[in-house]
Amino acid sequence: MADESKTPEFGTPRQAAQRTQMPERLIRRLIAEGKIPVVRSGARQYISISALLQMLNDGVGAIWE
């Protein structure tokens, strides 16, 4: 049985904005700048919300420089 706590949570930029309390526009800009990795499925973009939260908690990469 897989450990569900290790399963990454993916969502749209809008969902990530709601979870992180960051403006959606900022998340989309960081995606466009390549600072947040995305997975594309057709026209949709998905980001690892759990990885984004970890980056914010760790302060790694200073994503808004």
C-alpha atoms as a PDB file:
ATOM      1  CA  MET A   1       0.000   0.000   0.000  1.00  0.00           C
ATOM      2  CA  ALA A   2       1.378   3.418  -1.009  1.00  0.00           C
ATOM      3  CA  ASP A   3       2.088   6.065   1.603  1.00  0.00           C
ATOM      4  CA  GLU A   4      -0.432   8.796   0.753  1.00  0.00           C
ATOM      5  CA  SER A   5       1.527  11.460   2.644  1.00  0.00           C
ATOM      6  CA  LYS A   6       4.259  11.156  -0.028  1.00  0.00           C
ATOM      7  CA  THR A   7       1.848  11.560  -2.962  1.00  0.00           C
ATOM      8  CA  PRO A   8       2.264  14.995  -4.551  1.00  0.00           C
ATOM      9  CA  GLU A   9      -0.861  17.116  -4.817  1.00  0.00           C
ATOM     10  CA  PHE A  10      -1.308  18.700  -8.246  1.00  0.00           C
ATOM     11  CA  GLY A  11      -3.654  21.507  -9.122  1.00  0.00           C
ATOM     12  CA  THR A  12      -4.285  24.392 -11.451  1.00  0.00           C
ATOM     13  CA  PRO A  13      -2.680  27.788 -10.884  1.00  0.00           C
ATOM     14  CA  ARG A  14      -6.006  29.002  -9.466  1.00  0.00           C
ATOM     15  CA  GLN A  15      -6.117  26.145  -6.951  1.00  0.00           C
ATOM     16  CA  ALA A  16      -2.486  26.794  -6.003  1.00  0.00           C
ATOM     17  CA  ALA A  17      -3.291  30.471  -5.456  1.00  0.00           C
ATOM     18  CA  GLN A  18      -6.145  29.564  -3.141  1.00  0.00           C
ATOM     19  CA  ARG A  19      -3.993  27.105  -1.143  1.00  0.00           C
ATOM     20  CA  THR A  20      -1.001  29.441  -0.814  1.00  0.00           C
ATOM     21  CA  GLN A  21      -2.890  32.743  -0.452  1.00  0.00           C
ATOM     22  CA  MET A  22      -0.740  34.089  -3.306  1.00  0.00           C
ATOM     23  CA  PRO A  23      -2.234  36.085  -6.171  1.00  0.00           C
ATOM     24  CA  GLU A  24      -3.034  33.861  -9.142  1.00  0.00           C
ATOM     25  CA  ARG A  25      -1.377  36.428 -11.408  1.00  0.00           C
ATOM     26  CA  LEU A  26       1.921  35.986  -9.490  1.00  0.00           C
ATOM     27  CA  ILE A  27       1.760  32.207  -9.814  1.00  0.00           C
ATOM     28  CA  ARG A  28       1.099  32.465 -13.543  1.00  0.00           C
ATOM     29  CA  ARG A  29       4.005  34.901 -13.931  1.00  0.00           C
ATOM     30  CA  LEU A  30       6.360  32.569 -12.054  1.00  0.00           C
ATOM     31  CA  ILE A  31       5.243  29.725 -14.330  1.00  0.00           C
ATOM     32  CA  ALA A  32       5.913  31.866 -17.418  1.00  0.00           C
ATOM     33  CA  GLU A  33       9.374  32.729 -16.062  1.00  0.00           C
ATOM     34  CA  GLY A  34      10.114  29.033 -15.491  1.00  0.00           C
ATOM     35  CA  LYS A  35      10.448  29.418 -11.725  1.00  0.00           C
ATOM     36  CA  ILE A  36       7.588  27.024 -10.989  1.00  0.00           C
ATOM     37  CA  PRO A  37       7.640  23.758 -12.945  1.00  0.00           C
ATOM     38  CA  VAL A  38       4.382  22.718 -14.597  1.00  0.00           C
ATOM     39  CA  VAL A  39       2.890  19.686 -16.247  1.00  0.00           C
ATOM     40  CA  ARG A  40       0.825  20.479 -19.310  1.00  0.00           C
ATOM     41  CA  SER A  41      -2.145  18.500 -20.490  1.00  0.00           C
ATOM     42  CA  GLY A  42      -3.476  20.125 -23.633  1.00  0.00           C
ATOM     43  CA  ALA A  43      -4.097  23.773 -22.806  1.00  0.00           C
ATOM     44  CA  ARG A  44      -4.221  23.134 -19.046  1.00  0.00           C
ATOM     45  CA  GLN A  45      -1.327  23.609 -16.674  1.00  0.00           C
ATOM     46  CA  TYR A  46      -0.887  21.715 -13.427  1.00  0.00           C
ATOM     47  CA  ILE A  47       1.624  22.428 -10.720  1.00  0.00           C
ATOM     48  CA  SER A  48       2.665  20.422  -7.706  1.00  0.00           C
ATOM     49  CA  ILE A  49       1.002  22.335  -4.916  1.00  0.00           C
ATOM     50  CA  SER A  50       2.838  20.285  -2.310  1.00  0.00           C
ATOM     51  CA  ALA A  51       6.203  21.139  -3.928  1.00  0.00           C
ATOM     52  CA  LEU A  52       5.241  24.825  -4.132  1.00  0.00           C
ATOM     53  CA  LEU A  53       4.292  24.847  -0.442  1.00  0.00           C
ATOM     54  CA  GLN A  54       7.592  23.143   0.406  1.00  0.00           C
ATOM     55  CA  MET A  55       9.530  25.735  -1.628  1.00  0.00           C
ATOM     56  CA  LEU A  56       7.737  28.534   0.189  1.00  0.00           C
ATOM     57  CA  ASN A  57       8.366  26.939   3.594  1.00  0.00           C
ATOM     58  CA  ASP A  58      12.050  26.295   2.867  1.00  0.00           C
ATOM     59  CA  GLY A  59      12.651  29.648   1.208  1.00  0.00           C
ATOM     60  CA  VAL A  60      14.616  27.755  -1.448  1.00  0.00           C
ATOM     61  CA  GLY A  61      15.401  29.580  -4.653  1.00  0.00           C
ATOM     62  CA  ALA A  62      13.803  32.891  -3.697  1.00  0.00           C
ATOM     63  CA  ILE A  63      11.222  32.374  -6.408  1.00  0.00           C
ATOM     64  CA  TRP A  64      10.229  36.031  -6.677  1.00  0.00           C
ATOM     65  CA  GLU A  65      13.662  37.522  -7.253  1.00  0.00           C
END
